[in-house]
Amino acid sequence: MPPTDASAEADAGTVPELDTSLGTAIGTGAVPSSSSGVSSDNEDTMDLRLPDEFIALFAEEPGMRGASGGDRQVTTEQACDTPDGDDLLDRIADWGVTSTPAGAFRLVPVRVENDLPLITRWMNDPAVTAFWELAGPETVTEEHLRGQLEGDGRSVPCLGVLEGTPMSYWEIYRADLGLLARHYPARPHDTGIHLLVGGVANRGRGLGTTLLRAVADLVLDKRPSCARVVAEPDLRNTPSVSAFLSAGFRFSAEVDLPDKRAALMIRDRALHDLLQRRHM
């Protein structure tokens, strides 16, 4: 399961204090059949949980590692055309450019024929392989990408383009319609993000935090039905967890996913709206 954000890193010396529980649950584990993996004293346990029968309709994800699935062979454009004329993620291709402290940034949906060599190279970086588990020839990465692009549109793989240069890989996905929803109190339209900063030169200087904040804001701006942006980095990936915290996400719970023990990170619309008001 690649949602581990292997290269999202915060600035040294600016990382918030981690909850002490983060340091005691390292590694991966199978999902307990009788537990959601969410602590009983967490405020999110009061949320309405979607019925298992409903989640099961959306959680079949062949060929995917925690993003989205579906066996229909359709193009990206077709995947975006649902019966109501909209798509599950509000047309990411139309979200446009957002301004960040690092420069102009936009998400561009992946085109396998053009982008496969670059993404494959990033996936074979030794710093990445331990978390994303997609090392190998181009066919490995291609299978992962096509599993999303030829699915029902609940997960969209994107390149992050900063000042005109592709420099990161993203997956924007409907957390409430996938595997993750089985392991936390999902709310309708919860939107998840995975991040991989591709180039070594872009890591370790706070760029991951900057982009995570920008993309979380972009999701909330462009998806008015979404009240929360969520993520589930591997607990072993301390730089990634720290980057999410620095980007305004809060640690909600530890969750046991099939391939890892993860930190459930949540960024609420309330924080987004508060920050917007302060900048007006």
C-alpha atoms as a PDB file:
ATOM      1  CA  MET A   1       0.000   0.000   0.000  1.00  0.00           C
ATOM      2  CA  PRO A   2       1.793   3.136  -1.189  1.00  0.00           C
ATOM      3  CA  PRO A   3       0.010   5.858   0.778  1.00  0.00           C
ATOM      4  CA  THR A   4       3.102   6.499   2.846  1.00  0.00           C
ATOM      5  CA  ASP A   5       4.285   9.843   1.522  1.00  0.00           C
ATOM      6  CA  ALA A   6       7.906   8.815   1.648  1.00  0.00           C
ATOM      7  CA  SER A   7       9.352  12.198   0.813  1.00  0.00           C
ATOM      8  CA  ALA A   8       7.051  14.724   2.479  1.00  0.00           C
ATOM      9  CA  GLU A   9       9.396  16.410   4.931  1.00  0.00           C
ATOM     10  CA  ALA A  10       9.129  19.373   7.276  1.00  0.00           C
ATOM     11  CA  ASP A  11      11.725  22.023   8.012  1.00  0.00           C
ATOM     12  CA  ALA A  12      14.230  21.000  10.630  1.00  0.00           C
ATOM     13  CA  GLY A  13      13.577  22.702  13.915  1.00  0.00           C
ATOM     14  CA  THR A  14       9.973  23.624  13.117  1.00  0.00           C
ATOM     15  CA  VAL A  15       8.322  20.258  13.625  1.00  0.00           C
ATOM     16  CA  PRO A  16       5.520  20.248  16.234  1.00  0.00           C
ATOM     17  CA  GLU A  17       5.782  17.842  19.145  1.00  0.00           C
ATOM     18  CA  LEU A  18       4.391  14.435  18.226  1.00  0.00           C
ATOM     19  CA  ASP A  19       1.855  12.663  20.386  1.00  0.00           C
ATOM     20  CA  THR A  20       3.723  10.169  22.551  1.00  0.00           C
ATOM     21  CA  SER A  21       1.610   7.363  21.149  1.00  0.00           C
ATOM     22  CA  LEU A  22       3.306   7.833  17.784  1.00  0.00           C
ATOM     23  CA  GLY A  23       6.556   6.484  19.097  1.00  0.00           C
ATOM     24  CA  THR A  24       5.194   3.190  20.344  1.00  0.00           C
ATOM     25  CA  ALA A  25       3.497   1.713  17.301  1.00  0.00           C
ATOM     26  CA  ILE A  26       6.106   1.113  14.641  1.00  0.00           C
ATOM     27  CA  GLY A  27       5.654  -1.279  11.747  1.00  0.00           C
ATOM     28  CA  THR A  28       2.660  -2.843  10.046  1.00  0.00           C
ATOM     29  CA  GLY A  29       0.022  -5.299  11.015  1.00  0.00           C
ATOM     30  CA  ALA A  30      -3.132  -7.023   9.836  1.00  0.00           C
ATOM     31  CA  VAL A  31      -6.412  -5.327  10.494  1.00  0.00           C
ATOM     32  CA  PRO A  32      -8.112  -6.815  13.557  1.00  0.00           C
ATOM     33  CA  SER A  33     -11.522  -8.188  12.656  1.00  0.00           C
ATOM     34  CA  SER A  34     -13.127  -6.782  15.791  1.00  0.00           C
ATOM     35  CA  SER A  35     -11.543  -3.342  15.911  1.00  0.00           C
ATOM     36  CA  SER A  36     -11.499  -0.244  13.751  1.00  0.00           C
ATOM     37  CA  GLY A  37      -8.089   0.779  15.084  1.00  0.00           C
ATOM     38  CA  VAL A  38      -9.468   4.075  16.450  1.00  0.00           C
ATOM     39  CA  SER A  39      -9.002   4.812  20.130  1.00  0.00           C
ATOM     40  CA  SER A  40     -12.159   5.008  22.202  1.00  0.00           C
ATOM     41  CA  ASP A  41     -11.333   8.440  23.602  1.00  0.00           C
ATOM     42  CA  ASN A  42     -10.829  10.088  20.229  1.00  0.00           C
ATOM     43  CA  GLU A  43     -13.306  12.810  19.367  1.00  0.00           C
ATOM     44  CA  ASP A  44     -13.872  11.353  15.911  1.00  0.00           C
ATOM     45  CA  THR A  45     -15.467   8.227  17.350  1.00  0.00           C
ATOM     46  CA  MET A  46     -18.623  10.287  17.762  1.00  0.00           C
ATOM     47  CA  ASP A  47     -18.951  10.625  13.986  1.00  0.00           C
ATOM     48  CA  LEU A  48     -21.573   8.623  12.163  1.00  0.00           C
ATOM     49  CA  ARG A  49     -19.901   5.583  10.600  1.00  0.00           C
ATOM     50  CA  LEU A  50     -21.099   4.418   7.206  1.00  0.00           C
ATOM     51  CA  PRO A  51     -22.740   0.982   7.284  1.00  0.00           C
ATOM     52  CA  ASP A  52     -20.421  -1.879   6.333  1.00  0.00           C
ATOM     53  CA  GLU A  53     -22.870  -2.971   3.629  1.00  0.00           C
ATOM     54  CA  PHE A  54     -22.617   0.458   1.989  1.00  0.00           C
ATOM     55  CA  ILE A  55     -18.821   0.608   2.235  1.00  0.00           C
ATOM     56  CA  ALA A  56     -18.550  -2.891   0.763  1.00  0.00           C
ATOM     57  CA  LEU A  57     -20.142  -1.638  -2.448  1.00  0.00           C
ATOM     58  CA  PHE A  58     -17.183   0.678  -2.976  1.00  0.00           C
ATOM     59  CA  ALA A  59     -14.280  -1.099  -1.323  1.00  0.00           C
ATOM     60  CA  GLU A  60     -13.458  -3.721  -3.945  1.00  0.00           C
ATOM     61  CA  GLU A  61     -10.108  -2.494  -5.239  1.00  0.00           C
ATOM     62  CA  PRO A  62      -8.394  -5.071  -7.460  1.00  0.00           C
ATOM     63  CA  GLY A  63      -4.872  -4.203  -8.489  1.00  0.00           C
ATOM     64  CA  MET A  64      -4.679  -1.230  -6.112  1.00  0.00           C
ATOM     65  CA  ARG A  65      -2.628  -0.599  -3.003  1.00  0.00           C
ATOM     66  CA  GLY A  66      -5.002   1.507  -0.946  1.00  0.00           C
ATOM     67  CA  ALA A  67      -6.216   4.048  -3.483  1.00  0.00           C
ATOM     68  CA  SER A  68      -9.108   3.083  -5.759  1.00  0.00           C
ATOM     69  CA  GLY A  69     -10.196   0.315  -8.030  1.00  0.00           C
ATOM     70  CA  GLY A  70     -12.717  -1.024 -10.464  1.00  0.00           C
ATOM     71  CA  ASP A  71     -12.539  -3.274 -13.493  1.00  0.00           C
ATOM     72  CA  ARG A  72     -14.173  -1.025 -16.077  1.00  0.00           C
ATOM     73  CA  GLN A  73     -11.870  -0.207 -18.975  1.00  0.00           C
ATOM     74  CA  VAL A  74     -12.517   3.501 -19.517  1.00  0.00           C
ATOM     75  CA  THR A  75     -10.484   6.558 -20.321  1.00  0.00           C
ATOM     76  CA  THR A  76      -9.769   9.266 -17.771  1.00  0.00           C
ATOM     77  CA  GLU A  77     -12.407  11.474 -19.377  1.00  0.00           C
ATOM     78  CA  GLN A  78     -14.986   8.714 -19.204  1.00  0.00           C
ATOM     79  CA  ALA A  79     -14.157   8.047 -15.567  1.00  0.00           C
ATOM     80  CA  CYS A  80     -15.000  11.667 -14.802  1.00  0.00           C
ATOM     81  CA  ASP A  81     -18.441  11.476 -16.414  1.00  0.00           C
ATOM     82  CA  THR A  82     -20.854  10.107 -13.847  1.00  0.00           C
ATOM     83  CA  PRO A  83     -24.613  10.068 -14.504  1.00  0.00           C
ATOM     84  CA  ASP A  84     -25.205  13.357 -12.700  1.00  0.00           C
ATOM     85  CA  GLY A  85     -22.717  15.124 -14.983  1.00  0.00           C
ATOM     86  CA  ASP A  86     -20.098  15.519 -12.265  1.00  0.00           C
ATOM     87  CA  ASP A  87     -17.315  13.250 -11.049  1.00  0.00           C
ATOM     88  CA  LEU A  88     -16.299  11.850  -7.702  1.00  0.00           C
ATOM     89  CA  LEU A  89     -13.515  14.412  -7.210  1.00  0.00           C
ATOM     90  CA  ASP A  90     -14.954  17.512  -8.899  1.00  0.00           C
ATOM     91  CA  ARG A  91     -12.717  17.501 -11.967  1.00  0.00           C
ATOM     92  CA  ILE A  92      -9.186  17.883 -10.683  1.00  0.00           C
ATOM     93  CA  ALA A  93      -7.974  18.741 -14.180  1.00  0.00           C
ATOM     94  CA  ASP A  94      -9.926  22.000 -13.921  1.00  0.00           C
ATOM     95  CA  TRP A  95      -8.660  23.085 -10.497  1.00  0.00           C
ATOM     96  CA  GLY A  96      -6.011  25.322 -12.012  1.00  0.00           C
ATOM     97  CA  VAL A  97      -2.942  26.981 -10.524  1.00  0.00           C
ATOM     98  CA  THR A  98      -2.546  27.876  -6.861  1.00  0.00           C
ATOM     99  CA  SER A  99       0.036  30.237  -5.411  1.00  0.00           C
ATOM    100  CA  THR A 100       2.451  28.875  -2.786  1.00  0.00           C
ATOM    101  CA  PRO A 101       5.534  30.311  -1.041  1.00  0.00           C
ATOM    102  CA  ALA A 102       7.580  28.054  -3.341  1.00  0.00           C
ATOM    103  CA  GLY A 103       5.919  29.306  -6.529  1.00  0.00           C
ATOM    104  CA  ALA A 104       2.955  28.555  -8.789  1.00  0.00           C
ATOM    105  CA  PHE A 105       1.715  25.001  -8.328  1.00  0.00           C
ATOM    106  CA  ARG A 106      -0.908  22.838  -9.972  1.00  0.00           C
ATOM    107  CA  LEU A 107      -2.070  19.231 -10.027  1.00  0.00           C
ATOM    108  CA  VAL A 108      -2.086  17.643 -13.481  1.00  0.00           C
ATOM    109  CA  PRO A 109      -3.749  14.215 -13.872  1.00  0.00           C
ATOM    110  CA  VAL A 110      -1.226  11.603 -15.004  1.00  0.00           C
ATOM    111  CA  ARG A 111      -1.006  10.589 -18.647  1.00  0.00           C
ATOM    112  CA  VAL A 112       0.642   7.177 -18.636  1.00  0.00           C
ATOM    113  CA  GLU A 113       2.063   7.477 -22.135  1.00  0.00           C
ATOM    114  CA  ASN A 114       3.959  10.638 -21.153  1.00  0.00           C
ATOM    115  CA  ASP A 115       4.603  10.355 -17.427  1.00  0.00           C
ATOM    116  CA  LEU A 116       5.380   6.684 -16.792  1.00  0.00           C
ATOM    117  CA  PRO A 117       9.218   6.877 -17.082  1.00  0.00           C
ATOM    118  CA  LEU A 118       9.454   9.779 -14.628  1.00  0.00           C
ATOM    119  CA  ILE A 119       7.151   8.243 -12.023  1.00  0.00           C
ATOM    120  CA  THR A 120       8.868   4.862 -12.359  1.00  0.00           C
ATOM    121  CA  ARG A 121      12.227   6.493 -11.674  1.00  0.00           C
ATOM    122  CA  TRP A 122      10.862   8.112  -8.530  1.00  0.00           C
ATOM    123  CA  MET A 123       9.347   4.824  -7.349  1.00  0.00           C
ATOM    124  CA  ASN A 124      12.753   3.131  -7.641  1.00  0.00           C
ATOM    125  CA  ASP A 125      14.488   5.660  -5.414  1.00  0.00           C
ATOM    126  CA  PRO A 126      15.810   3.712  -2.385  1.00  0.00           C
ATOM    127  CA  ALA A 127      14.293   6.319  -0.029  1.00  0.00           C
ATOM    128  CA  VAL A 128      10.884   5.653  -1.549  1.00  0.00           C
ATOM    129  CA  THR A 129      10.736   1.912  -2.151  1.00  0.00           C
ATOM    130  CA  ALA A 130      10.397   0.887   1.496  1.00  0.00           C
ATOM    131  CA  PHE A 131       7.123   2.768   1.807  1.00  0.00           C
ATOM    132  CA  TRP A 132       5.474   2.809  -1.615  1.00  0.00           C
ATOM    133  CA  GLU A 133       6.434  -0.775  -2.535  1.00  0.00           C
ATOM    134  CA  LEU A 134       6.324  -0.055  -6.268  1.00  0.00           C
ATOM    135  CA  ALA A 135       9.968  -0.615  -7.175  1.00  0.00           C
ATOM    136  CA  GLY A 136      10.696  -2.535 -10.356  1.00  0.00           C
ATOM    137  CA  PRO A 137      10.194  -2.132 -14.101  1.00  0.00           C
ATOM    138  CA  GLU A 138       7.765   0.297 -15.666  1.00  0.00           C
ATOM    139  CA  THR A 139       5.089  -2.385 -15.783  1.00  0.00           C
ATOM    140  CA  VAL A 140       4.805  -2.293 -11.977  1.00  0.00           C
ATOM    141  CA  THR A 141       4.142   1.433 -11.882  1.00  0.00           C
ATOM    142  CA  GLU A 142       1.935   1.255 -14.959  1.00  0.00           C
ATOM    143  CA  GLU A 143      -0.326  -1.332 -13.340  1.00  0.00           C
ATOM    144  CA  HIS A 144      -0.694   0.881 -10.286  1.00  0.00           C
ATOM    145  CA  LEU A 145      -1.523   3.959 -12.364  1.00  0.00           C
ATOM    146  CA  ARG A 146      -3.948   2.224 -14.704  1.00  0.00           C
ATOM    147  CA  GLY A 147      -5.748   0.674 -11.737  1.00  0.00           C
ATOM    148  CA  GLN A 148      -6.815   4.210 -10.876  1.00  0.00           C
ATOM    149  CA  LEU A 149      -7.208   5.716 -14.344  1.00  0.00           C
ATOM    150  CA  GLU A 150      -9.343   2.827 -15.573  1.00  0.00           C
ATOM    151  CA  GLY A 151     -11.407   2.653 -12.395  1.00  0.00           C
ATOM    152  CA  ASP A 152     -14.486   4.589 -11.401  1.00  0.00           C
ATOM    153  CA  GLY A 153     -12.737   7.874 -10.656  1.00  0.00           C
ATOM    154  CA  ARG A 154     -12.539   7.605  -6.884  1.00  0.00           C
ATOM    155  CA  SER A 155      -8.753   8.056  -7.048  1.00  0.00           C
ATOM    156  CA  VAL A 156      -6.861  10.289  -9.473  1.00  0.00           C
ATOM    157  CA  PRO A 157      -3.054  10.056  -9.834  1.00  0.00           C
ATOM    158  CA  CYS A 158      -1.477  13.426 -10.549  1.00  0.00           C
ATOM    159  CA  LEU A 159       1.839  15.090 -11.143  1.00  0.00           C
ATOM    160  CA  GLY A 160       2.575  18.092  -8.981  1.00  0.00           C
ATOM    161  CA  VAL A 161       3.955  20.795 -11.265  1.00  0.00           C
ATOM    162  CA  LEU A 162       5.860  23.602  -9.537  1.00  0.00           C
ATOM    163  CA  GLU A 163       6.832  26.608 -11.627  1.00  0.00           C
ATOM    164  CA  GLY A 164       6.293  24.532 -14.767  1.00  0.00           C
ATOM    165  CA  THR A 165       8.402  21.550 -13.634  1.00  0.00           C
ATOM    166  CA  PRO A 166       6.912  18.164 -12.620  1.00  0.00           C
ATOM    167  CA  MET A 167       8.467  17.459  -9.219  1.00  0.00           C
ATOM    168  CA  SER A 168       6.028  15.355  -7.182  1.00  0.00           C
ATOM    169  CA  TYR A 169       3.488  12.564  -7.488  1.00  0.00           C
ATOM    170  CA  TRP A 170       0.067  12.784  -5.827  1.00  0.00           C
ATOM    171  CA  GLU A 171      -2.996  10.633  -5.419  1.00  0.00           C
ATOM    172  CA  ILE A 172      -6.223  12.464  -4.599  1.00  0.00           C
ATOM    173  CA  TYR A 173      -8.864   9.972  -3.550  1.00  0.00           C
ATOM    174  CA  ARG A 174     -12.291   9.588  -1.978  1.00  0.00           C
ATOM    175  CA  ALA A 175     -11.403   8.233   1.448  1.00  0.00           C
ATOM    176  CA  ASP A 176     -15.059   7.620   2.273  1.00  0.00           C
ATOM    177  CA  LEU A 177     -15.478   5.221  -0.658  1.00  0.00           C
ATOM    178  CA  GLY A 178     -12.395   3.053  -0.273  1.00  0.00           C
ATOM    179  CA  LEU A 179     -10.532   0.706   2.003  1.00  0.00           C
ATOM    180  CA  LEU A 180      -9.624   3.375   4.552  1.00  0.00           C
ATOM    181  CA  ALA A 181     -13.304   3.958   5.371  1.00  0.00           C
ATOM    182  CA  ARG A 182     -13.397   0.525   7.008  1.00  0.00           C
ATOM    183  CA  HIS A 183     -10.869   1.653   9.611  1.00  0.00           C
ATOM    184  CA  TYR A 184     -12.006   5.070  10.804  1.00  0.00           C
ATOM    185  CA  PRO A 185     -15.321   6.943  11.261  1.00  0.00           C
ATOM    186  CA  ALA A 186     -15.550   8.232   7.698  1.00  0.00           C
ATOM    187  CA  ARG A 187     -17.763  11.148   6.755  1.00  0.00           C
ATOM    188  CA  PRO A 188     -19.292  11.589   3.291  1.00  0.00           C
ATOM    189  CA  HIS A 189     -16.882  13.228   0.837  1.00  0.00           C
ATOM    190  CA  ASP A 190     -13.777  12.840   3.022  1.00  0.00           C
ATOM    191  CA  THR A 191     -10.916  13.340   0.571  1.00  0.00           C
ATOM    192  CA  GLY A 192      -7.522  11.688   0.994  1.00  0.00           C
ATOM    193  CA  ILE A 193      -4.103  12.655  -0.298  1.00  0.00           C
ATOM    194  CA  HIS A 194      -0.840  10.778  -0.867  1.00  0.00           C
ATOM    195  CA  LEU A 195       2.372  12.604  -1.715  1.00  0.00           C
ATOM    196  CA  LEU A 196       5.766  11.656  -3.053  1.00  0.00           C
ATOM    197  CA  VAL A 197       8.325  14.433  -3.584  1.00  0.00           C
ATOM    198  CA  GLY A 198      10.271  13.044  -6.525  1.00  0.00           C
ATOM    199  CA  GLY A 199      13.631  14.765  -6.729  1.00  0.00           C
ATOM    200  CA  VAL A 200      16.203  14.378  -3.956  1.00  0.00           C
ATOM    201  CA  ALA A 201      17.070  18.075  -4.231  1.00  0.00           C
ATOM    202  CA  ASN A 202      13.481  18.975  -3.272  1.00  0.00           C
ATOM    203  CA  ARG A 203      13.488  16.960  -0.057  1.00  0.00           C
ATOM    204  CA  GLY A 204      14.422  17.956   3.460  1.00  0.00           C
ATOM    205  CA  ARG A 205      13.808  21.689   3.126  1.00  0.00           C
ATOM    206  CA  GLY A 206      10.148  22.003   4.051  1.00  0.00           C
ATOM    207  CA  LEU A 207       8.766  21.775   0.528  1.00  0.00           C
ATOM    208  CA  GLY A 208       6.607  18.787   1.440  1.00  0.00           C
ATOM    209  CA  THR A 209       4.904  20.796   4.184  1.00  0.00           C
ATOM    210  CA  THR A 210       4.348  23.747   1.849  1.00  0.00           C
ATOM    211  CA  LEU A 211       2.748  21.587  -0.815  1.00  0.00           C
ATOM    212  CA  LEU A 212       0.646  19.553   1.605  1.00  0.00           C
ATOM    213  CA  ARG A 213      -0.830  22.763   2.992  1.00  0.00           C
ATOM    214  CA  ALA A 214      -1.458  24.118  -0.506  1.00  0.00           C
ATOM    215  CA  VAL A 215      -3.108  20.944  -1.802  1.00  0.00           C
ATOM    216  CA  ALA A 216      -5.276  20.554   1.315  1.00  0.00           C
ATOM    217  CA  ASP A 217      -6.471  24.120   0.782  1.00  0.00           C
ATOM    218  CA  LEU A 218      -7.034  23.411  -2.892  1.00  0.00           C
ATOM    219  CA  VAL A 219      -9.167  20.354  -2.106  1.00  0.00           C
ATOM    220  CA  LEU A 220     -11.318  22.323   0.325  1.00  0.00           C
ATOM    221  CA  ASP A 221     -11.650  25.252  -2.085  1.00  0.00           C
ATOM    222  CA  LYS A 222     -12.604  23.119  -5.078  1.00  0.00           C
ATOM    223  CA  ARG A 223     -14.705  20.496  -3.278  1.00  0.00           C
ATOM    224  CA  PRO A 224     -17.351  22.384  -1.264  1.00  0.00           C
ATOM    225  CA  SER A 225     -18.977  19.097  -0.232  1.00  0.00           C
ATOM    226  CA  CYS A 226     -15.740  17.983   1.475  1.00  0.00           C
ATOM    227  CA  ALA A 227     -15.369  18.958   5.128  1.00  0.00           C
ATOM    228  CA  ARG A 228     -12.099  17.110   5.848  1.00  0.00           C
ATOM    229  CA  VAL A 229      -8.882  16.186   4.099  1.00  0.00           C
ATOM    230  CA  VAL A 230      -7.351  12.982   5.459  1.00  0.00           C
ATOM    231  CA  ALA A 231      -4.103  11.065   5.102  1.00  0.00           C
ATOM    232  CA  GLU A 232      -2.613   7.861   6.502  1.00  0.00           C
ATOM    233  CA  PRO A 233       1.209   7.966   6.395  1.00  0.00           C
ATOM    234  CA  ASP A 234       3.135   5.007   7.743  1.00  0.00           C
ATOM    235  CA  LEU A 235       3.957   5.539  11.414  1.00  0.00           C
ATOM    236  CA  ARG A 236       7.562   4.583  10.673  1.00  0.00           C
ATOM    237  CA  ASN A 237       7.849   7.529   8.310  1.00  0.00           C
ATOM    238  CA  THR A 238       8.481  10.212  10.915  1.00  0.00           C
ATOM    239  CA  PRO A 239       9.394  12.976   8.412  1.00  0.00           C
ATOM    240  CA  SER A 240       6.083  12.435   6.615  1.00  0.00           C
ATOM    241  CA  VAL A 241       4.018  12.506   9.811  1.00  0.00           C
ATOM    242  CA  SER A 242       5.860  15.644  10.893  1.00  0.00           C
ATOM    243  CA  ALA A 243       5.197  17.308   7.536  1.00  0.00           C
ATOM    244  CA  PHE A 244       1.479  16.682   7.849  1.00  0.00           C
ATOM    245  CA  LEU A 245       1.453  18.135  11.360  1.00  0.00           C
ATOM    246  CA  SER A 246       3.335  21.202  10.159  1.00  0.00           C
ATOM    247  CA  ALA A 247       0.835  21.586   7.311  1.00  0.00           C
ATOM    248  CA  GLY A 248      -2.089  21.934   9.718  1.00  0.00           C
ATOM    249  CA  PHE A 249      -3.220  18.321   9.949  1.00  0.00           C
ATOM    250  CA  ARG A 250      -3.967  16.872  13.363  1.00  0.00           C
ATOM    251  CA  PHE A 251      -3.126  13.378  14.525  1.00  0.00           C
ATOM    252  CA  SER A 252      -6.442  11.585  15.032  1.00  0.00           C
ATOM    253  CA  ALA A 253      -5.612   7.916  15.663  1.00  0.00           C
ATOM    254  CA  GLU A 254      -3.383   4.972  14.895  1.00  0.00           C
ATOM    255  CA  VAL A 255      -5.024   2.608  12.421  1.00  0.00           C
ATOM    256  CA  ASP A 256      -4.096  -0.898  11.333  1.00  0.00           C
ATOM    257  CA  LEU A 257      -4.299  -1.120   7.548  1.00  0.00           C
ATOM    258  CA  PRO A 258      -3.570  -4.326   5.629  1.00  0.00           C
ATOM    259  CA  ASP A 259       0.021  -3.353   4.765  1.00  0.00           C
ATOM    260  CA  LYS A 260       1.002  -0.925   7.501  1.00  0.00           C
ATOM    261  CA  ARG A 261       0.234   0.706  10.804  1.00  0.00           C
ATOM    262  CA  ALA A 262      -0.665   4.268   9.952  1.00  0.00           C
ATOM    263  CA  ALA A 263      -1.154   7.651  11.542  1.00  0.00           C
ATOM    264  CA  LEU A 264      -4.594   8.959  10.636  1.00  0.00           C
ATOM    265  CA  MET A 265      -4.110  12.656   9.922  1.00  0.00           C
ATOM    266  CA  ILE A 266      -7.043  15.052   9.460  1.00  0.00           C
ATOM    267  CA  ARG A 267      -7.240  18.659   8.311  1.00  0.00           C
ATOM    268  CA  ASP A 268     -10.633  20.177   9.029  1.00  0.00           C
ATOM    269  CA  ARG A 269     -12.436  22.780   6.953  1.00  0.00           C
ATOM    270  CA  ALA A 270     -12.837  24.857  10.130  1.00  0.00           C
ATOM    271  CA  LEU A 271      -9.067  25.477  10.236  1.00  0.00           C
ATOM    272  CA  HIS A 272      -9.007  26.263   6.524  1.00  0.00           C
ATOM    273  CA  ASP A 273     -11.819  28.802   6.877  1.00  0.00           C
ATOM    274  CA  LEU A 274     -10.215  30.394   9.941  1.00  0.00           C
ATOM    275  CA  LEU A 275      -6.910  30.897   8.146  1.00  0.00           C
ATOM    276  CA  GLN A 276      -8.679  32.336   5.130  1.00  0.00           C
ATOM    277  CA  ARG A 277     -10.503  34.881   7.279  1.00  0.00           C
ATOM    278  CA  ARG A 278      -7.242  35.945   8.889  1.00  0.00           C
ATOM    279  CA  HIS A 279      -5.721  36.659   5.479  1.00  0.00           C
ATOM    280  CA  MET A 280      -8.656  38.724   4.248  1.00  0.00           C
END
